[in-house]
Amino acid sequence: METHGMGSHGAVGSSDGTVERENSSLNIYSEGVCPNLIQPNLEEAVSAESLHANRKLRSSVWKEFELTMLDDGTYKAICKHCKKDFVAGNRAGTSHLKYHTGVCPKIQLSKRKKFGSPKLDIPIFDQQRSRDDFSRMVLAHDYSLNMSEHYYTRIFLYNLQPSFKLVHRTTLKDDCMRIYDEEKLKVYQLFEKQSCRFVLL
């Protein structure tokens, strides 16, 4: 018959005189450490996407934007001035954000208030002057009077100056005749001031 007894230190005795110790995990628990309770490193839990996004913040363009993470884990760059949002993250880059800083009206207004507006000689739009210039162009290059009604002519001029109003070809013809008479009168006046005689061929 075999007899078994439990030692004071958790050893198990057997009839053949050998001593078997209980599995080892007791040593771990005796030190107050449980493998199942080891907490993961929070730094390792940060996603790679988040780390890449933080690296992007080194660009000076982020002074004008706020990086926000959405519920689905993606990122948005929100302009601090106009509140418009843009795609952000590892693959998005910052080129589109830099472009926005150059066209955002509120950013430009803020810069003008901070540094002052540059002194530029910006001409004031004059409808009559622009209308006469268009008529002179038709006269000088012998363009068709129908040019004022061409579809892409209107689009081109509208994109240059939305305030400019093209006239009908009949009105354009009247403008051309008026300008012709004005220029002819200037030539006559110039001739009258000459003291010598000359012949026009």
N, C-alpha and C. Protein backbone atom coordinates (compact mmCIF):
# COMPACT_ATOMS: atom_id res chain seq x y z
N MET A 1 0.86 -1.19 0.00
CA MET A 1 0.00 0.00 0.00
C MET A 1 0.89 1.23 0.00
N GLU A 2 0.44 2.20 -0.81
CA GLU A 2 1.19 3.44 -0.86
C GLU A 2 0.54 4.47 0.03
N THR A 3 1.35 5.22 0.69
CA THR A 3 0.81 6.29 1.54
C THR A 3 1.32 7.60 1.01
N HIS A 4 0.45 8.59 1.06
CA HIS A 4 0.81 9.92 0.58
C HIS A 4 0.61 10.92 1.69
N GLY A 5 1.49 11.84 1.81
CA GLY A 5 1.36 12.87 2.82
C GLY A 5 1.74 14.22 2.26
N MET A 6 1.13 15.28 2.73
CA MET A 6 1.40 16.64 2.28
C MET A 6 2.37 17.26 3.24
N GLY A 7 3.53 17.70 2.69
CA GLY A 7 4.52 18.37 3.52
C GLY A 7 4.07 19.75 3.89
N SER A 8 4.80 20.34 4.82
CA SER A 8 4.43 21.68 5.28
C SER A 8 4.66 22.72 4.22
N HIS A 9 5.48 22.43 3.19
CA HIS A 9 5.77 23.42 2.15
C HIS A 9 5.10 23.06 0.86
N GLY A 10 4.08 22.27 0.90
CA GLY A 10 3.34 21.94 -0.30
C GLY A 10 3.98 20.83 -1.08
N ALA A 11 4.88 19.97 -0.43
CA ALA A 11 5.50 18.87 -1.15
C ALA A 11 4.65 17.64 -1.02
N VAL A 12 4.65 16.83 -2.02
CA VAL A 12 3.87 15.59 -2.00
C VAL A 12 4.85 14.44 -1.89
N GLY A 13 4.65 13.60 -0.88
CA GLY A 13 5.53 12.45 -0.68
C GLY A 13 4.95 11.21 -1.31
N SER A 14 5.79 10.31 -1.74
CA SER A 14 5.35 9.05 -2.33
C SER A 14 6.10 7.91 -1.67
N SER A 15 5.61 6.67 -1.89
CA SER A 15 6.18 5.50 -1.22
C SER A 15 7.59 5.21 -1.69
N ASP A 16 7.95 5.65 -2.89
CA ASP A 16 9.29 5.36 -3.38
C ASP A 16 10.31 6.39 -2.90
N GLY A 17 9.92 7.32 -2.04
CA GLY A 17 10.85 8.24 -1.43
C GLY A 17 11.13 9.50 -2.23
N THR A 18 10.52 9.61 -3.39
CA THR A 18 10.74 10.82 -4.19
C THR A 18 9.81 11.91 -3.73
N VAL A 19 10.26 13.14 -3.98
CA VAL A 19 9.45 14.29 -3.57
C VAL A 19 9.10 15.09 -4.81
N GLU A 20 7.80 15.25 -4.98
CA GLU A 20 7.32 16.06 -6.12
C GLU A 20 6.74 17.35 -5.58
N ARG A 21 7.22 18.41 -6.17
CA ARG A 21 6.68 19.72 -5.76
C ARG A 21 5.55 20.11 -6.67
N GLU A 22 4.61 20.88 -6.10
CA GLU A 22 3.50 21.35 -6.91
C GLU A 22 4.01 22.32 -7.95
N ASN A 23 3.23 22.35 -8.95
CA ASN A 23 3.69 23.17 -10.09
C ASN A 23 4.01 24.57 -9.65
N SER A 24 4.90 24.97 -9.95
CA SER A 24 5.59 26.22 -10.00
C SER A 24 4.94 27.56 -9.93
N SER A 25 3.67 27.52 -10.44
CA SER A 25 2.98 28.79 -10.44
C SER A 25 2.88 29.36 -9.05
N LEU A 26 3.04 28.49 -8.01
CA LEU A 26 2.95 28.98 -6.63
C LEU A 26 4.04 30.02 -6.37
N ASN A 27 5.21 29.80 -6.95
CA ASN A 27 6.29 30.77 -6.75
C ASN A 27 5.90 32.14 -7.31
N ILE A 28 5.20 32.12 -8.44
CA ILE A 28 4.79 33.39 -9.05
C ILE A 28 3.77 34.08 -8.18
N TYR A 29 2.77 33.30 -7.71
CA TYR A 29 1.74 33.91 -6.85
C TYR A 29 2.33 34.37 -5.54
N SER A 30 3.34 33.63 -5.04
CA SER A 30 3.93 34.02 -3.75
C SER A 30 4.63 35.35 -3.85
N GLU A 31 5.05 35.72 -5.05
CA GLU A 31 5.69 37.02 -5.24
C GLU A 31 4.68 38.12 -5.54
N GLY A 32 3.40 37.76 -5.60
CA GLY A 32 2.35 38.77 -5.81
C GLY A 32 2.14 39.13 -7.25
N VAL A 33 2.57 38.27 -8.19
CA VAL A 33 2.42 38.56 -9.61
C VAL A 33 1.57 37.49 -10.24
N CYS A 34 0.54 37.91 -10.94
CA CYS A 34 -0.34 36.97 -11.62
C CYS A 34 -0.27 37.23 -13.12
N PRO A 35 0.06 36.23 -13.93
CA PRO A 35 0.18 36.46 -15.38
C PRO A 35 -1.07 37.01 -16.00
N ASN A 36 -2.23 36.59 -15.53
CA ASN A 36 -3.49 37.04 -16.12
C ASN A 36 -3.82 38.48 -15.77
N LEU A 37 -3.11 39.01 -14.76
CA LEU A 37 -3.43 40.37 -14.31
C LEU A 37 -2.40 41.38 -14.78
N ILE A 38 -1.41 40.97 -15.59
CA ILE A 38 -0.40 41.90 -16.08
C ILE A 38 -1.06 42.86 -17.07
N GLN A 39 -0.94 44.15 -16.82
CA GLN A 39 -1.58 45.16 -17.65
C GLN A 39 -0.75 45.40 -18.90
N PRO A 40 -1.41 45.58 -20.08
CA PRO A 40 -0.66 45.88 -21.30
C PRO A 40 -0.09 47.29 -21.26
N ASN A 41 1.00 47.48 -21.96
CA ASN A 41 1.63 48.79 -22.06
C ASN A 41 0.73 49.72 -22.88
N LEU A 42 0.31 50.83 -22.28
CA LEU A 42 -0.62 51.73 -22.97
C LEU A 42 0.02 52.36 -24.20
N GLU A 43 1.34 52.57 -24.12
CA GLU A 43 2.01 53.17 -25.28
C GLU A 43 1.96 52.24 -26.48
N GLU A 44 2.04 50.91 -26.21
CA GLU A 44 1.97 49.96 -27.31
C GLU A 44 0.58 49.85 -27.88
N ALA A 45 -0.41 50.26 -27.08
CA ALA A 45 -1.80 50.16 -27.54
C ALA A 45 -2.19 51.29 -28.47
N VAL A 46 -1.38 52.34 -28.53
CA VAL A 46 -1.69 53.45 -29.43
C VAL A 46 -1.55 52.98 -30.87
N SER A 47 -2.52 53.26 -31.68
CA SER A 47 -2.52 52.78 -33.05
C SER A 47 -1.44 53.45 -33.87
N ALA A 48 -0.99 52.73 -34.90
CA ALA A 48 0.04 53.29 -35.78
C ALA A 48 -0.49 54.52 -36.49
N GLU A 49 -1.77 54.50 -36.81
CA GLU A 49 -2.37 55.65 -37.49
C GLU A 49 -2.28 56.89 -36.63
N SER A 50 -2.51 56.72 -35.34
CA SER A 50 -2.44 57.86 -34.43
C SER A 50 -1.02 58.40 -34.34
N LEU A 51 -0.04 57.51 -34.32
CA LEU A 51 1.34 57.95 -34.26
C LEU A 51 1.73 58.72 -35.51
N HIS A 52 1.30 58.22 -36.66
CA HIS A 52 1.60 58.91 -37.91
C HIS A 52 0.93 60.28 -37.92
N ALA A 53 -0.29 60.33 -37.42
CA ALA A 53 -1.00 61.61 -37.39
C ALA A 53 -0.27 62.61 -36.51
N ASN A 54 0.29 62.13 -35.38
CA ASN A 54 1.01 63.03 -34.50
C ASN A 54 2.28 63.55 -35.16
N ARG A 55 2.91 62.72 -35.98
CA ARG A 55 4.10 63.18 -36.69
C ARG A 55 3.77 64.30 -37.65
N LYS A 56 2.59 64.22 -38.25
CA LYS A 56 2.19 65.24 -39.20
C LYS A 56 2.03 66.60 -38.52
N LEU A 57 1.78 66.58 -37.22
CA LEU A 57 1.58 67.83 -36.50
C LEU A 57 2.85 68.68 -36.44
N ARG A 58 3.96 68.11 -36.86
CA ARG A 58 5.20 68.89 -36.87
C ARG A 58 5.17 69.96 -37.94
N SER A 59 4.33 69.79 -38.95
CA SER A 59 4.23 70.78 -40.02
C SER A 59 3.63 72.07 -39.48
N SER A 60 4.14 73.20 -39.96
CA SER A 60 3.65 74.49 -39.49
C SER A 60 2.21 74.75 -39.88
N VAL A 61 1.71 73.98 -40.86
CA VAL A 61 0.33 74.20 -41.31
C VAL A 61 -0.68 73.86 -40.22
N TRP A 62 -0.28 73.02 -39.26
CA TRP A 62 -1.21 72.62 -38.20
C TRP A 62 -1.50 73.75 -37.22
N LYS A 63 -0.81 74.88 -37.36
CA LYS A 63 -1.16 76.03 -36.54
C LYS A 63 -2.54 76.57 -36.90
N GLU A 64 -2.98 76.27 -38.12
CA GLU A 64 -4.26 76.77 -38.60
C GLU A 64 -5.36 75.71 -38.55
N PHE A 65 -5.01 74.48 -38.13
CA PHE A 65 -5.98 73.38 -38.14
C PHE A 65 -6.00 72.65 -36.80
N GLU A 66 -7.10 72.00 -36.53
CA GLU A 66 -7.25 71.17 -35.34
C GLU A 66 -7.51 69.74 -35.77
N LEU A 67 -6.69 68.80 -35.29
CA LEU A 67 -6.84 67.39 -35.64
C LEU A 67 -7.87 66.73 -34.75
N THR A 68 -8.88 66.12 -35.34
CA THR A 68 -9.96 65.50 -34.59
C THR A 68 -10.17 64.06 -35.06
N MET A 69 -10.31 63.13 -34.11
CA MET A 69 -10.58 61.74 -34.45
C MET A 69 -12.08 61.49 -34.38
N LEU A 70 -12.64 60.90 -35.42
CA LEU A 70 -14.06 60.60 -35.49
C LEU A 70 -14.37 59.27 -34.80
N ASP A 71 -15.65 58.96 -34.69
CA ASP A 71 -16.07 57.74 -34.01
C ASP A 71 -15.57 56.48 -34.71
N ASP A 72 -15.41 56.54 -36.02
CA ASP A 72 -14.96 55.37 -36.77
C ASP A 72 -13.45 55.21 -36.78
N GLY A 73 -12.73 56.07 -36.04
CA GLY A 73 -11.28 55.96 -35.95
C GLY A 73 -10.52 56.76 -36.98
N THR A 74 -11.21 57.38 -37.94
CA THR A 74 -10.54 58.21 -38.94
C THR A 74 -10.32 59.61 -38.38
N TYR A 75 -9.49 60.37 -39.09
CA TYR A 75 -9.14 61.70 -38.63
C TYR A 75 -9.63 62.78 -39.58
N LYS A 76 -9.95 63.94 -39.02
CA LYS A 76 -10.33 65.11 -39.79
C LYS A 76 -9.50 66.30 -39.32
N ALA A 77 -9.08 67.11 -40.28
CA ALA A 77 -8.39 68.36 -39.97
C ALA A 77 -9.39 69.50 -40.15
N ILE A 78 -9.70 70.20 -39.09
CA ILE A 78 -10.71 71.25 -39.11
C ILE A 78 -10.03 72.61 -39.04
N CYS A 79 -10.33 73.44 -40.02
CA CYS A 79 -9.76 74.78 -40.06
C CYS A 79 -10.24 75.57 -38.83
N LYS A 80 -9.31 76.17 -38.13
CA LYS A 80 -9.67 76.93 -36.93
C LYS A 80 -10.39 78.22 -37.25
N HIS A 81 -10.37 78.64 -38.50
CA HIS A 81 -10.94 79.92 -38.88
C HIS A 81 -12.33 79.77 -39.51
N CYS A 82 -12.43 78.94 -40.56
CA CYS A 82 -13.72 78.79 -41.25
C CYS A 82 -14.45 77.51 -40.88
N LYS A 83 -13.81 76.64 -40.07
CA LYS A 83 -14.41 75.39 -39.58
C LYS A 83 -14.65 74.36 -40.68
N LYS A 84 -14.06 74.54 -41.84
CA LYS A 84 -14.17 73.55 -42.90
C LYS A 84 -13.28 72.36 -42.56
N ASP A 85 -13.77 71.13 -42.82
CA ASP A 85 -13.01 69.95 -42.46
C ASP A 85 -12.38 69.29 -43.69
N PHE A 86 -11.22 68.65 -43.47
CA PHE A 86 -10.47 68.00 -44.52
C PHE A 86 -10.01 66.63 -44.04
N VAL A 87 -9.72 65.75 -45.00
CA VAL A 87 -9.19 64.43 -44.67
C VAL A 87 -7.81 64.59 -44.06
N ALA A 88 -7.54 63.81 -43.01
CA ALA A 88 -6.24 63.85 -42.36
C ALA A 88 -5.81 62.42 -42.05
N GLY A 89 -4.53 62.25 -41.71
CA GLY A 89 -4.05 60.92 -41.40
C GLY A 89 -2.73 60.64 -42.09
N ASN A 90 -2.30 59.40 -42.00
CA ASN A 90 -0.98 59.01 -42.49
C ASN A 90 -0.83 59.22 -43.99
N ARG A 91 -1.87 58.86 -44.76
CA ARG A 91 -1.76 58.90 -46.21
C ARG A 91 -2.28 60.19 -46.82
N ALA A 92 -2.87 61.04 -46.04
CA ALA A 92 -3.51 62.24 -46.59
C ALA A 92 -2.51 63.33 -46.94
N GLY A 93 -1.41 63.44 -46.17
CA GLY A 93 -0.45 64.51 -46.40
C GLY A 93 -0.99 65.85 -45.94
N THR A 94 -0.28 66.92 -46.26
CA THR A 94 -0.69 68.26 -45.83
C THR A 94 -0.77 69.25 -46.99
N SER A 95 -0.57 68.76 -48.22
CA SER A 95 -0.59 69.69 -49.37
C SER A 95 -1.93 70.39 -49.50
N HIS A 96 -3.03 69.62 -49.31
CA HIS A 96 -4.36 70.23 -49.44
C HIS A 96 -4.63 71.22 -48.31
N LEU A 97 -4.01 70.99 -47.16
CA LEU A 97 -4.18 71.92 -46.05
C LEU A 97 -3.41 73.22 -46.31
N LYS A 98 -2.20 73.09 -46.88
CA LYS A 98 -1.42 74.28 -47.21
C LYS A 98 -2.14 75.11 -48.27
N TYR A 99 -2.77 74.42 -49.23
CA TYR A 99 -3.51 75.16 -50.27
C TYR A 99 -4.66 75.93 -49.65
N HIS A 100 -5.34 75.31 -48.69
CA HIS A 100 -6.50 75.99 -48.06
C HIS A 100 -6.06 77.24 -47.31
N THR A 101 -4.89 77.21 -46.69
CA THR A 101 -4.43 78.39 -45.95
C THR A 101 -4.20 79.58 -46.88
N GLY A 102 -3.97 79.29 -48.18
CA GLY A 102 -3.75 80.36 -49.14
C GLY A 102 -5.02 80.93 -49.73
N VAL A 103 -6.15 80.20 -49.58
CA VAL A 103 -7.40 80.65 -50.18
C VAL A 103 -8.51 80.89 -49.16
N CYS A 104 -8.29 80.49 -47.93
CA CYS A 104 -9.32 80.69 -46.90
C CYS A 104 -9.51 82.18 -46.64
N PRO A 105 -10.70 82.73 -46.86
CA PRO A 105 -10.92 84.17 -46.68
C PRO A 105 -10.63 84.64 -45.26
N LYS A 106 -10.99 83.83 -44.27
CA LYS A 106 -10.80 84.26 -42.88
C LYS A 106 -9.33 84.25 -42.49
N ILE A 107 -8.55 83.30 -43.03
CA ILE A 107 -7.12 83.30 -42.75
C ILE A 107 -6.46 84.52 -43.39
N GLN A 108 -6.85 84.82 -44.63
CA GLN A 108 -6.27 85.98 -45.31
C GLN A 108 -6.65 87.28 -44.60
N LEU A 109 -7.89 87.35 -44.12
CA LEU A 109 -8.33 88.54 -43.39
C LEU A 109 -7.55 88.69 -42.10
N SER A 110 -7.30 87.57 -41.43
CA SER A 110 -6.53 87.60 -40.20
C SER A 110 -5.11 88.08 -40.44
N LYS A 111 -4.51 87.65 -41.56
CA LYS A 111 -3.15 88.08 -41.88
C LYS A 111 -3.10 89.56 -42.20
N ARG A 112 -4.14 90.05 -42.91
CA ARG A 112 -4.16 91.48 -43.24
C ARG A 112 -4.30 92.33 -42.00
N LYS A 113 -5.08 91.85 -41.04
CA LYS A 113 -5.23 92.60 -39.79
C LYS A 113 -3.93 92.60 -39.00
N LYS A 114 -3.18 91.49 -39.10
CA LYS A 114 -1.95 91.36 -38.32
C LYS A 114 -0.80 92.12 -38.93
N PHE A 115 -0.63 92.00 -40.24
CA PHE A 115 0.51 92.60 -40.91
C PHE A 115 0.17 93.86 -41.70
N GLY A 116 -1.13 94.12 -41.86
CA GLY A 116 -1.52 95.27 -42.64
C GLY A 116 -1.65 94.92 -44.11
N SER A 117 -2.54 95.57 -44.80
CA SER A 117 -2.77 95.29 -46.21
C SER A 117 -1.67 95.93 -47.05
N PRO A 118 -1.13 95.20 -48.01
CA PRO A 118 -0.11 95.80 -48.89
C PRO A 118 -0.74 96.88 -49.76
N LYS A 119 0.05 97.89 -50.05
CA LYS A 119 -0.46 98.99 -50.87
C LYS A 119 -0.39 98.58 -52.34
N LEU A 120 -1.53 98.24 -52.88
CA LEU A 120 -1.61 97.82 -54.27
C LEU A 120 -2.47 98.79 -55.05
N ASP A 121 -2.05 99.04 -56.27
CA ASP A 121 -2.81 99.92 -57.14
C ASP A 121 -3.86 99.09 -57.87
N ILE A 122 -4.98 98.86 -57.20
CA ILE A 122 -6.05 98.03 -57.75
C ILE A 122 -7.04 98.94 -58.47
N PRO A 123 -7.18 98.78 -59.78
CA PRO A 123 -8.10 99.64 -60.53
C PRO A 123 -9.56 99.35 -60.16
N ILE A 124 -10.34 100.41 -60.19
CA ILE A 124 -11.77 100.28 -59.92
C ILE A 124 -12.48 99.95 -61.23
N PHE A 125 -13.35 98.96 -61.19
CA PHE A 125 -14.04 98.54 -62.41
C PHE A 125 -14.94 99.65 -62.93
N ASP A 126 -14.84 99.90 -64.24
CA ASP A 126 -15.65 100.91 -64.90
C ASP A 126 -16.34 100.25 -66.09
N GLN A 127 -17.66 100.12 -66.02
CA GLN A 127 -18.42 99.44 -67.07
C GLN A 127 -18.26 100.13 -68.42
N GLN A 128 -18.38 101.45 -68.45
CA GLN A 128 -18.30 102.17 -69.71
C GLN A 128 -16.91 102.06 -70.33
N ARG A 129 -15.89 102.19 -69.50
CA ARG A 129 -14.53 102.08 -70.02
C ARG A 129 -14.28 100.68 -70.59
N SER A 130 -14.72 99.65 -69.88
CA SER A 130 -14.54 98.29 -70.35
C SER A 130 -15.33 98.04 -71.63
N ARG A 131 -16.50 98.63 -71.71
CA ARG A 131 -17.32 98.50 -72.92
C ARG A 131 -16.63 99.16 -74.11
N ASP A 132 -16.03 100.32 -73.91
CA ASP A 132 -15.31 100.99 -74.99
C ASP A 132 -14.06 100.21 -75.39
N ASP A 133 -13.37 99.62 -74.41
CA ASP A 133 -12.19 98.81 -74.72
C ASP A 133 -12.56 97.60 -75.57
N PHE A 134 -13.70 97.00 -75.26
CA PHE A 134 -14.15 95.86 -76.06
C PHE A 134 -14.45 96.30 -77.50
N SER A 135 -15.06 97.46 -77.64
CA SER A 135 -15.37 97.97 -78.98
C SER A 135 -14.10 98.29 -79.75
N ARG A 136 -13.09 98.86 -79.09
CA ARG A 136 -11.82 99.14 -79.74
C ARG A 136 -11.12 97.86 -80.18
N MET A 137 -11.25 96.81 -79.38
CA MET A 137 -10.66 95.53 -79.75
C MET A 137 -11.29 94.99 -81.03
N VAL A 138 -12.62 95.12 -81.13
CA VAL A 138 -13.33 94.65 -82.32
C VAL A 138 -12.88 95.46 -83.55
N LEU A 139 -12.73 96.77 -83.36
CA LEU A 139 -12.29 97.63 -84.46
C LEU A 139 -10.85 97.32 -84.89
N ALA A 140 -9.96 97.20 -83.94
CA ALA A 140 -8.54 97.04 -84.24
C ALA A 140 -8.23 95.71 -84.92
N HIS A 141 -8.95 94.66 -84.52
CA HIS A 141 -8.66 93.32 -85.03
C HIS A 141 -9.68 92.85 -86.06
N ASP A 142 -10.61 93.74 -86.39
CA ASP A 142 -11.61 93.41 -87.40
C ASP A 142 -12.41 92.16 -87.03
N TYR A 143 -12.79 92.08 -85.76
CA TYR A 143 -13.59 90.95 -85.30
C TYR A 143 -15.04 91.12 -85.75
N SER A 144 -15.75 90.01 -85.78
CA SER A 144 -17.17 90.05 -86.11
C SER A 144 -17.95 90.69 -84.97
N LEU A 145 -18.99 91.45 -85.34
CA LEU A 145 -19.83 92.06 -84.31
C LEU A 145 -20.59 91.00 -83.51
N ASN A 146 -20.74 89.81 -84.08
CA ASN A 146 -21.43 88.73 -83.37
C ASN A 146 -20.59 88.18 -82.22
N MET A 147 -19.35 88.61 -82.14
CA MET A 147 -18.46 88.11 -81.09
C MET A 147 -19.03 88.38 -79.70
N SER A 148 -19.74 89.48 -79.57
CA SER A 148 -20.31 89.84 -78.26
C SER A 148 -21.39 88.87 -77.81
N GLU A 149 -21.89 88.04 -78.75
CA GLU A 149 -22.94 87.10 -78.41
C GLU A 149 -22.45 85.65 -78.42
N HIS A 150 -21.16 85.46 -78.66
CA HIS A 150 -20.61 84.11 -78.63
C HIS A 150 -20.63 83.57 -77.20
N TYR A 151 -20.97 82.31 -77.09
CA TYR A 151 -21.14 81.69 -75.77
C TYR A 151 -19.86 81.75 -74.94
N TYR A 152 -18.74 81.31 -75.51
CA TYR A 152 -17.50 81.26 -74.75
C TYR A 152 -16.88 82.63 -74.55
N THR A 153 -17.21 83.57 -75.40
CA THR A 153 -16.77 84.94 -75.14
C THR A 153 -17.41 85.46 -73.87
N ARG A 154 -18.68 85.19 -73.71
CA ARG A 154 -19.39 85.62 -72.50
C ARG A 154 -18.85 84.92 -71.25
N ILE A 155 -18.57 83.62 -71.38
CA ILE A 155 -18.03 82.89 -70.23
C ILE A 155 -16.66 83.43 -69.85
N PHE A 156 -15.81 83.65 -70.85
CA PHE A 156 -14.46 84.15 -70.60
C PHE A 156 -14.49 85.51 -69.90
N LEU A 157 -15.30 86.42 -70.40
CA LEU A 157 -15.36 87.76 -69.81
C LEU A 157 -16.03 87.74 -68.44
N TYR A 158 -16.99 86.85 -68.26
CA TYR A 158 -17.64 86.76 -66.95
C TYR A 158 -16.66 86.28 -65.88
N ASN A 159 -15.80 85.31 -66.25
CA ASN A 159 -14.82 84.82 -65.29
C ASN A 159 -13.76 85.87 -64.97
N LEU A 160 -13.46 86.73 -65.94
CA LEU A 160 -12.51 87.82 -65.68
C LEU A 160 -13.12 88.90 -64.81
N GLN A 161 -14.34 89.28 -65.14
CA GLN A 161 -15.03 90.34 -64.39
C GLN A 161 -16.53 90.08 -64.45
N PRO A 162 -17.11 89.47 -63.41
CA PRO A 162 -18.53 89.16 -63.41
C PRO A 162 -19.43 90.39 -63.55
N SER A 163 -18.91 91.56 -63.20
CA SER A 163 -19.73 92.77 -63.25
C SER A 163 -19.86 93.33 -64.66
N PHE A 164 -18.98 92.89 -65.56
CA PHE A 164 -19.02 93.43 -66.91
C PHE A 164 -20.22 92.87 -67.69
N LYS A 165 -20.98 93.76 -68.31
CA LYS A 165 -22.17 93.38 -69.07
C LYS A 165 -21.91 93.59 -70.57
N LEU A 166 -21.93 92.47 -71.29
CA LEU A 166 -21.77 92.56 -72.74
C LEU A 166 -23.04 93.10 -73.38
N VAL A 167 -22.87 93.85 -74.46
CA VAL A 167 -24.02 94.44 -75.14
C VAL A 167 -24.37 93.63 -76.39
N HIS A 168 -25.55 93.90 -76.92
CA HIS A 168 -26.00 93.25 -78.15
C HIS A 168 -25.14 93.73 -79.32
N ARG A 169 -25.06 92.92 -80.40
CA ARG A 169 -24.23 93.29 -81.54
C ARG A 169 -24.65 94.62 -82.17
N THR A 170 -25.95 94.95 -82.11
CA THR A 170 -26.40 96.24 -82.65
C THR A 170 -25.84 97.39 -81.83
N THR A 171 -25.86 97.24 -80.52
CA THR A 171 -25.29 98.26 -79.64
C THR A 171 -23.78 98.32 -79.81
N LEU A 172 -23.15 97.17 -80.01
CA LEU A 172 -21.71 97.13 -80.24
C LEU A 172 -21.35 97.89 -81.51
N LYS A 173 -22.16 97.74 -82.55
CA LYS A 173 -21.93 98.47 -83.80
C LYS A 173 -22.01 99.97 -83.57
N ASP A 174 -23.00 100.41 -82.81
CA ASP A 174 -23.13 101.84 -82.49
C ASP A 174 -21.92 102.34 -81.71
N ASP A 175 -21.45 101.52 -80.77
CA ASP A 175 -20.27 101.90 -80.00
C ASP A 175 -19.04 102.03 -80.90
N CYS A 176 -18.90 101.11 -81.84
CA CYS A 176 -17.75 101.16 -82.76
C CYS A 176 -17.80 102.41 -83.64
N MET A 177 -18.97 102.77 -84.11
CA MET A 177 -19.10 103.97 -84.94
C MET A 177 -18.82 105.23 -84.13
N ARG A 178 -19.27 105.24 -82.90
CA ARG A 178 -19.03 106.40 -82.04
C ARG A 178 -17.53 106.56 -81.78
N ILE A 179 -16.86 105.46 -81.48
CA ILE A 179 -15.42 105.52 -81.23
C ILE A 179 -14.68 105.93 -82.48
N TYR A 180 -15.11 105.44 -83.63
CA TYR A 180 -14.47 105.82 -84.90
C TYR A 180 -14.57 107.33 -85.12
N ASP A 181 -15.76 107.89 -84.89
CA ASP A 181 -15.94 109.34 -85.07
C ASP A 181 -15.08 110.12 -84.08
N GLU A 182 -14.97 109.64 -82.86
CA GLU A 182 -14.16 110.33 -81.85
C GLU A 182 -12.68 110.32 -82.25
N GLU A 183 -12.20 109.20 -82.73
CA GLU A 183 -10.80 109.11 -83.11
C GLU A 183 -10.52 109.94 -84.37
N LYS A 184 -11.47 109.97 -85.28
CA LYS A 184 -11.30 110.79 -86.48
C LYS A 184 -11.21 112.27 -86.13
N LEU A 185 -12.03 112.69 -85.18
CA LEU A 185 -12.00 114.08 -84.74
C LEU A 185 -10.65 114.42 -84.12
N LYS A 186 -10.08 113.50 -83.36
CA LYS A 186 -8.76 113.72 -82.75
C LYS A 186 -7.69 113.90 -83.82
N VAL A 187 -7.79 113.15 -84.91
CA VAL A 187 -6.82 113.27 -85.99
C VAL A 187 -6.95 114.63 -86.66
N TYR A 188 -8.17 115.08 -86.91
CA TYR A 188 -8.40 116.40 -87.50
C TYR A 188 -7.82 117.50 -86.63
N GLN A 189 -8.04 117.39 -85.34
CA GLN A 189 -7.51 118.39 -84.41
C GLN A 189 -5.99 118.39 -84.40
N LEU A 190 -5.40 117.23 -84.55
CA LEU A 190 -3.94 117.14 -84.61
C LEU A 190 -3.40 117.80 -85.87
N PHE A 191 -4.10 117.59 -86.97
CA PHE A 191 -3.65 118.21 -88.23
C PHE A 191 -3.75 119.73 -88.19
N GLU A 192 -4.76 120.23 -87.53
CA GLU A 192 -4.96 121.68 -87.47
C GLU A 192 -3.84 122.37 -86.71
N LYS A 193 -3.17 121.64 -85.84
CA LYS A 193 -2.10 122.24 -85.05
C LYS A 193 -0.77 122.26 -85.81
N GLN A 194 -0.73 121.56 -86.94
CA GLN A 194 0.52 121.51 -87.70
C GLN A 194 0.65 122.78 -88.57
N SER A 195 1.84 123.35 -88.59
CA SER A 195 2.09 124.58 -89.37
C SER A 195 2.50 124.29 -90.81
N CYS A 196 2.86 123.08 -91.10
CA CYS A 196 3.30 122.72 -92.43
C CYS A 196 2.18 122.02 -93.20
N ARG A 197 2.42 121.88 -94.50
CA ARG A 197 1.47 121.15 -95.32
C ARG A 197 1.95 119.73 -95.55
N PHE A 198 1.00 118.82 -95.70
CA PHE A 198 1.36 117.44 -95.94
C PHE A 198 0.24 116.77 -96.71
N VAL A 199 0.55 115.68 -97.32
CA VAL A 199 -0.41 114.93 -98.12
C VAL A 199 -0.53 113.53 -97.56
N LEU A 200 -1.73 113.07 -97.40
CA LEU A 200 -1.99 111.71 -96.95
C LEU A 200 -2.23 110.83 -98.16
N LEU A 201 -1.51 109.75 -98.24
CA LEU A 201 -1.65 108.82 -99.35
C LEU A 201 -2.47 107.60 -98.94
